[in-house]
Structures are given as structure tokens and as C-alpha cells.
Amino acid sequence: MADRIDHLTDRVQVVEVKLDRLSTTVGQLTTRVDGLTTTVGQLSTRVDGLTATVNELSTAMTAGFVEQREYTEFSHARLEAKMDVGFARVDRKLDQLLDAQRPRRKPRRRNE
């Protein structure tokens, strides 16, 4: 019976060593998980910051596009108005030239 007890004592010691190793491993894993949690938190903060930056840039770009479109429409309207005035002037001059080139008929007398 003493032999069995000695054998059990040896087995208990082996189990204790294994439990100590397992406890150490669990401790290391806990430390790693805590580190990963911190890293994920930092990444989340960075992503939030990047999202805010992208939103600000998007808003600024949209405002720039709106301003550019308004300026383009304004400049086209001015150009169109100037062209209308210029074409009207050319039309008047062309009409004057054409009128000057047309032969004029002499008015008929009533007796003729």
C-alpha cells in the first residue's frame, strides 16, 4: 500500500507541474490578450480620427465643387451675354451691308 501511495504522490507532483505550466501559459495568454485589447482600442481611436478627417475632406471637396460650378455657370452666363451682344452687332452690320448692296427700285409713276 505504501508503494501505491508513493506512486500517487509522484503522479500528484507531475499533475502539479503540469498545472503550474498551464497556469503560466494562461497568464501569458492573458497578458497577450490584454495587449491586443489595448492595440485594438488604439486602432479604433485612429480609425475614428481618420473617419472624421475623411468626412471633413469630403465636406471641403463638396464645397469646392459647388463653388467651382457656381463660378463656371456665372462665367458662362457672362460669356453668353457678351456673345449675344456681339452677334447682334454683327447682324446689324451685315443687314446694313446687305441693304446697301440691294438695288433700289425706282418708284413707278402713276401714269406709266
N, C-alpha and C. Protein backbone atom coordinates (compact mmCIF):
# COMPACT_ATOMS: atom_id res chain seq x y z
N MET A 1 0.81 -1.16 0.00
CA MET A 1 0.00 0.00 0.00
C MET A 1 0.88 1.26 0.00
N ALA A 2 2.00 1.20 0.70
CA ALA A 2 2.93 2.32 0.74
C ALA A 2 3.45 2.60 -0.65
N ASP A 3 3.59 1.53 -1.44
CA ASP A 3 4.07 1.70 -2.81
C ASP A 3 3.04 2.48 -3.65
N ARG A 4 1.79 2.17 -3.40
CA ARG A 4 0.73 2.86 -4.13
C ARG A 4 0.68 4.34 -3.76
N ILE A 5 0.85 4.62 -2.50
CA ILE A 5 0.82 6.00 -2.03
C ILE A 5 2.00 6.77 -2.60
N ASP A 6 3.18 6.14 -2.64
CA ASP A 6 4.34 6.80 -3.24
C ASP A 6 4.07 7.08 -4.72
N HIS A 7 3.48 6.13 -5.37
CA HIS A 7 3.16 6.29 -6.80
C HIS A 7 2.16 7.43 -6.99
N LEU A 8 1.15 7.52 -6.12
CA LEU A 8 0.17 8.60 -6.20
C LEU A 8 0.83 9.95 -5.93
N THR A 9 1.76 9.97 -4.99
CA THR A 9 2.47 11.21 -4.68
C THR A 9 3.24 11.69 -5.90
N ASP A 10 3.89 10.76 -6.59
CA ASP A 10 4.62 11.12 -7.81
C ASP A 10 3.65 11.66 -8.88
N ARG A 11 2.54 11.01 -9.00
CA ARG A 11 1.56 11.44 -10.00
C ARG A 11 0.99 12.82 -9.66
N VAL A 12 0.74 13.07 -8.40
CA VAL A 12 0.23 14.37 -7.96
C VAL A 12 1.26 15.44 -8.27
N GLN A 13 2.55 15.14 -8.05
CA GLN A 13 3.61 16.11 -8.33
C GLN A 13 3.68 16.42 -9.84
N VAL A 14 3.52 15.38 -10.66
CA VAL A 14 3.52 15.58 -12.11
C VAL A 14 2.34 16.46 -12.51
N VAL A 15 1.18 16.19 -11.93
CA VAL A 15 -0.01 16.99 -12.23
C VAL A 15 0.21 18.43 -11.78
N GLU A 16 0.85 18.61 -10.59
CA GLU A 16 1.12 19.97 -10.10
C GLU A 16 2.05 20.72 -11.05
N VAL A 17 3.06 20.03 -11.57
CA VAL A 17 3.99 20.66 -12.52
C VAL A 17 3.23 21.06 -13.78
N LYS A 18 2.39 20.17 -14.26
CA LYS A 18 1.61 20.47 -15.45
C LYS A 18 0.65 21.64 -15.20
N LEU A 19 0.04 21.67 -14.04
CA LEU A 19 -0.87 22.77 -13.70
C LEU A 19 -0.10 24.09 -13.60
N ASP A 20 1.12 24.02 -13.02
CA ASP A 20 1.93 25.24 -12.95
C ASP A 20 2.27 25.76 -14.35
N ARG A 21 2.64 24.86 -15.25
CA ARG A 21 2.94 25.24 -16.64
C ARG A 21 1.69 25.83 -17.30
N LEU A 22 0.56 25.15 -17.10
CA LEU A 22 -0.69 25.62 -17.68
C LEU A 22 -1.06 26.99 -17.12
N SER A 23 -0.88 27.19 -15.84
CA SER A 23 -1.16 28.47 -15.21
C SER A 23 -0.26 29.56 -15.78
N THR A 24 1.02 29.23 -16.01
CA THR A 24 1.95 30.18 -16.61
C THR A 24 1.50 30.52 -18.03
N THR A 25 1.13 29.50 -18.79
CA THR A 25 0.67 29.72 -20.16
C THR A 25 -0.59 30.58 -20.18
N VAL A 26 -1.53 30.30 -19.30
CA VAL A 26 -2.76 31.10 -19.22
C VAL A 26 -2.40 32.54 -18.84
N GLY A 27 -1.47 32.73 -17.95
CA GLY A 27 -1.04 34.07 -17.57
C GLY A 27 -0.44 34.82 -18.76
N GLN A 28 0.38 34.11 -19.54
CA GLN A 28 0.99 34.73 -20.73
C GLN A 28 -0.09 35.07 -21.77
N LEU A 29 -1.03 34.16 -21.94
CA LEU A 29 -2.12 34.42 -22.89
C LEU A 29 -2.97 35.61 -22.43
N THR A 30 -3.22 35.71 -21.15
CA THR A 30 -3.98 36.84 -20.61
C THR A 30 -3.24 38.15 -20.89
N THR A 31 -1.92 38.13 -20.69
CA THR A 31 -1.12 39.31 -20.97
C THR A 31 -1.20 39.67 -22.46
N ARG A 32 -1.11 38.67 -23.32
CA ARG A 32 -1.20 38.92 -24.77
C ARG A 32 -2.58 39.46 -25.15
N VAL A 33 -3.63 38.89 -24.60
CA VAL A 33 -4.98 39.35 -24.89
C VAL A 33 -5.15 40.79 -24.42
N ASP A 34 -4.63 41.10 -23.23
CA ASP A 34 -4.70 42.48 -22.74
C ASP A 34 -3.97 43.42 -23.69
N GLY A 35 -2.81 42.99 -24.19
CA GLY A 35 -2.06 43.80 -25.14
C GLY A 35 -2.83 43.98 -26.44
N LEU A 36 -3.45 42.91 -26.91
CA LEU A 36 -4.25 43.01 -28.13
C LEU A 36 -5.45 43.92 -27.93
N THR A 37 -6.06 43.85 -26.77
CA THR A 37 -7.20 44.71 -26.47
C THR A 37 -6.77 46.17 -26.51
N THR A 38 -5.62 46.46 -25.93
CA THR A 38 -5.09 47.82 -25.97
C THR A 38 -4.82 48.25 -27.40
N THR A 39 -4.21 47.36 -28.19
CA THR A 39 -3.91 47.67 -29.58
C THR A 39 -5.19 47.92 -30.37
N VAL A 40 -6.19 47.08 -30.17
CA VAL A 40 -7.47 47.27 -30.87
C VAL A 40 -8.09 48.59 -30.46
N GLY A 41 -8.00 48.95 -29.20
CA GLY A 41 -8.52 50.24 -28.75
C GLY A 41 -7.82 51.40 -29.42
N GLN A 42 -6.48 51.30 -29.53
CA GLN A 42 -5.72 52.35 -30.20
C GLN A 42 -6.08 52.43 -31.68
N LEU A 43 -6.22 51.27 -32.32
CA LEU A 43 -6.61 51.26 -33.74
C LEU A 43 -8.00 51.84 -33.93
N SER A 44 -8.89 51.53 -33.02
CA SER A 44 -10.25 52.06 -33.10
C SER A 44 -10.22 53.59 -33.00
N THR A 45 -9.40 54.10 -32.11
CA THR A 45 -9.27 55.56 -31.96
C THR A 45 -8.71 56.16 -33.24
N ARG A 46 -7.71 55.51 -33.83
CA ARG A 46 -7.14 56.01 -35.09
C ARG A 46 -8.17 55.99 -36.21
N VAL A 47 -8.93 54.90 -36.29
CA VAL A 47 -9.95 54.79 -37.34
C VAL A 47 -10.99 55.90 -37.16
N ASP A 48 -11.39 56.15 -35.92
CA ASP A 48 -12.36 57.24 -35.68
C ASP A 48 -11.78 58.57 -36.13
N GLY A 49 -10.50 58.79 -35.85
CA GLY A 49 -9.85 60.02 -36.28
C GLY A 49 -9.78 60.12 -37.79
N LEU A 50 -9.45 59.01 -38.43
CA LEU A 50 -9.39 59.00 -39.90
C LEU A 50 -10.77 59.23 -40.51
N THR A 51 -11.78 58.64 -39.91
CA THR A 51 -13.15 58.83 -40.39
C THR A 51 -13.54 60.30 -40.31
N ALA A 52 -13.20 60.94 -39.20
CA ALA A 52 -13.51 62.37 -39.05
C ALA A 52 -12.75 63.18 -40.10
N THR A 53 -11.49 62.84 -40.33
CA THR A 53 -10.69 63.56 -41.32
C THR A 53 -11.27 63.38 -42.72
N VAL A 54 -11.64 62.16 -43.06
CA VAL A 54 -12.23 61.89 -44.38
C VAL A 54 -13.54 62.66 -44.54
N ASN A 55 -14.35 62.70 -43.49
CA ASN A 55 -15.60 63.45 -43.55
C ASN A 55 -15.35 64.95 -43.77
N GLU A 56 -14.34 65.49 -43.07
CA GLU A 56 -14.00 66.91 -43.24
C GLU A 56 -13.52 67.18 -44.66
N LEU A 57 -12.66 66.30 -45.17
CA LEU A 57 -12.16 66.47 -46.54
C LEU A 57 -13.28 66.35 -47.55
N SER A 58 -14.19 65.42 -47.33
CA SER A 58 -15.32 65.25 -48.24
C SER A 58 -16.19 66.50 -48.25
N THR A 59 -16.44 67.06 -47.08
CA THR A 59 -17.23 68.29 -46.99
C THR A 59 -16.53 69.44 -47.70
N ALA A 60 -15.21 69.54 -47.49
CA ALA A 60 -14.44 70.61 -48.14
C ALA A 60 -14.43 70.44 -49.66
N MET A 61 -14.28 69.20 -50.13
CA MET A 61 -14.28 68.95 -51.57
C MET A 61 -15.64 69.27 -52.18
N THR A 62 -16.69 68.88 -51.50
CA THR A 62 -18.04 69.17 -51.99
C THR A 62 -18.25 70.67 -52.10
N ALA A 63 -17.83 71.40 -51.07
CA ALA A 63 -17.95 72.86 -51.10
C ALA A 63 -17.14 73.44 -52.26
N GLY A 64 -15.95 72.88 -52.49
CA GLY A 64 -15.12 73.34 -53.61
C GLY A 64 -15.79 73.09 -54.95
N PHE A 65 -16.38 71.92 -55.10
CA PHE A 65 -17.07 71.61 -56.35
C PHE A 65 -18.27 72.53 -56.57
N VAL A 66 -19.01 72.80 -55.50
CA VAL A 66 -20.17 73.69 -55.60
C VAL A 66 -19.71 75.09 -56.00
N GLU A 67 -18.64 75.57 -55.35
CA GLU A 67 -18.12 76.90 -55.69
C GLU A 67 -17.64 76.96 -57.14
N GLN A 68 -16.93 75.90 -57.57
CA GLN A 68 -16.43 75.87 -58.95
C GLN A 68 -17.58 75.86 -59.94
N ARG A 69 -18.61 75.09 -59.64
CA ARG A 69 -19.77 75.04 -60.54
C ARG A 69 -20.47 76.40 -60.63
N GLU A 70 -20.63 77.05 -59.48
CA GLU A 70 -21.27 78.37 -59.47
C GLU A 70 -20.44 79.36 -60.30
N TYR A 71 -19.13 79.33 -60.14
CA TYR A 71 -18.28 80.24 -60.90
C TYR A 71 -18.36 79.93 -62.39
N THR A 72 -18.36 78.63 -62.73
CA THR A 72 -18.46 78.24 -64.14
C THR A 72 -19.77 78.72 -64.75
N GLU A 73 -20.86 78.52 -64.02
CA GLU A 73 -22.16 78.98 -64.52
C GLU A 73 -22.17 80.50 -64.67
N PHE A 74 -21.60 81.21 -63.72
CA PHE A 74 -21.53 82.66 -63.78
C PHE A 74 -20.71 83.11 -64.99
N SER A 75 -19.55 82.50 -65.18
CA SER A 75 -18.69 82.92 -66.30
C SER A 75 -19.32 82.56 -67.65
N HIS A 76 -20.00 81.42 -67.72
CA HIS A 76 -20.68 81.07 -68.97
C HIS A 76 -21.82 82.05 -69.27
N ALA A 77 -22.53 82.45 -68.23
CA ALA A 77 -23.63 83.41 -68.42
C ALA A 77 -23.06 84.74 -68.92
N ARG A 78 -21.95 85.18 -68.35
CA ARG A 78 -21.33 86.43 -68.82
C ARG A 78 -20.86 86.31 -70.25
N LEU A 79 -20.20 85.17 -70.56
CA LEU A 79 -19.72 84.96 -71.92
C LEU A 79 -20.88 84.93 -72.90
N GLU A 80 -21.95 84.23 -72.54
CA GLU A 80 -23.12 84.15 -73.42
C GLU A 80 -23.72 85.52 -73.65
N ALA A 81 -23.80 86.35 -72.61
CA ALA A 81 -24.34 87.70 -72.76
C ALA A 81 -23.46 88.53 -73.70
N LYS A 82 -22.15 88.43 -73.53
CA LYS A 82 -21.24 89.17 -74.41
C LYS A 82 -21.36 88.68 -75.85
N MET A 83 -21.48 87.38 -76.01
CA MET A 83 -21.62 86.82 -77.37
C MET A 83 -22.92 87.28 -78.01
N ASP A 84 -24.00 87.30 -77.23
CA ASP A 84 -25.29 87.76 -77.77
C ASP A 84 -25.19 89.21 -78.25
N VAL A 85 -24.53 90.06 -77.45
CA VAL A 85 -24.35 91.46 -77.84
C VAL A 85 -23.50 91.53 -79.11
N GLY A 86 -22.42 90.75 -79.16
CA GLY A 86 -21.55 90.75 -80.34
C GLY A 86 -22.24 90.24 -81.58
N PHE A 87 -23.02 89.17 -81.45
CA PHE A 87 -23.74 88.64 -82.61
C PHE A 87 -24.81 89.62 -83.08
N ALA A 88 -25.46 90.27 -82.14
CA ALA A 88 -26.47 91.26 -82.53
C ALA A 88 -25.81 92.40 -83.31
N ARG A 89 -24.65 92.81 -82.87
CA ARG A 89 -23.90 93.87 -83.57
C ARG A 89 -23.51 93.42 -84.98
N VAL A 90 -23.00 92.19 -85.08
CA VAL A 90 -22.62 91.65 -86.40
C VAL A 90 -23.86 91.54 -87.28
N ASP A 91 -24.98 91.10 -86.73
CA ASP A 91 -26.22 91.00 -87.51
C ASP A 91 -26.64 92.38 -88.05
N ARG A 92 -26.56 93.39 -87.20
CA ARG A 92 -26.93 94.74 -87.65
C ARG A 92 -26.02 95.21 -88.78
N LYS A 93 -24.72 94.99 -88.61
CA LYS A 93 -23.78 95.42 -89.65
C LYS A 93 -24.00 94.63 -90.93
N LEU A 94 -24.25 93.35 -90.82
CA LEU A 94 -24.50 92.53 -92.00
C LEU A 94 -25.77 93.00 -92.70
N ASP A 95 -26.80 93.30 -91.93
CA ASP A 95 -28.04 93.82 -92.52
C ASP A 95 -27.78 95.14 -93.24
N GLN A 96 -26.95 96.00 -92.63
CA GLN A 96 -26.61 97.28 -93.27
C GLN A 96 -25.88 97.05 -94.58
N LEU A 97 -24.94 96.12 -94.57
CA LEU A 97 -24.19 95.80 -95.80
C LEU A 97 -25.11 95.25 -96.88
N LEU A 98 -25.98 94.35 -96.49
CA LEU A 98 -26.90 93.75 -97.45
C LEU A 98 -27.86 94.80 -98.00
N ASP A 99 -28.33 95.65 -97.13
CA ASP A 99 -29.23 96.72 -97.58
C ASP A 99 -28.51 97.64 -98.56
N ALA A 100 -27.27 97.92 -98.31
CA ALA A 100 -26.52 98.81 -99.19
C ALA A 100 -26.26 98.15 -100.55
N GLN A 101 -26.19 96.86 -100.61
CA GLN A 101 -25.90 96.15 -101.85
C GLN A 101 -27.14 95.88 -102.69
N ARG A 102 -28.31 95.95 -102.13
CA ARG A 102 -29.55 95.69 -102.88
C ARG A 102 -29.82 96.85 -103.83
N PRO A 103 -30.17 96.51 -105.04
CA PRO A 103 -30.53 97.59 -105.96
C PRO A 103 -31.87 98.17 -105.56
N ARG A 104 -31.94 99.43 -105.65
CA ARG A 104 -33.18 100.10 -105.27
C ARG A 104 -34.03 100.29 -106.51
N ARG A 105 -35.23 99.98 -106.35
CA ARG A 105 -36.16 100.18 -107.47
C ARG A 105 -36.65 101.61 -107.46
N LYS A 106 -36.78 102.09 -108.62
CA LYS A 106 -37.32 103.44 -108.73
C LYS A 106 -38.82 103.34 -108.56
N PRO A 107 -39.35 104.25 -107.87
CA PRO A 107 -40.81 104.23 -107.71
C PRO A 107 -41.49 104.48 -109.05
N ARG A 108 -42.50 103.80 -109.34
CA ARG A 108 -43.25 103.97 -110.59
C ARG A 108 -44.13 105.20 -110.51
N ARG A 109 -44.23 105.79 -111.60
CA ARG A 109 -45.13 106.91 -111.65
C ARG A 109 -46.51 106.39 -111.97
N ARG A 110 -47.45 107.12 -111.65
CA ARG A 110 -48.82 106.68 -111.82
C ARG A 110 -49.22 106.61 -113.30
N ASN A 111 -48.65 107.36 -114.07
CA ASN A 111 -49.02 107.39 -115.48
C ASN A 111 -48.33 106.28 -116.28
N GLU A 112 -47.40 105.74 -115.80
CA GLU A 112 -46.66 104.75 -116.58
C GLU A 112 -47.34 103.45 -116.64
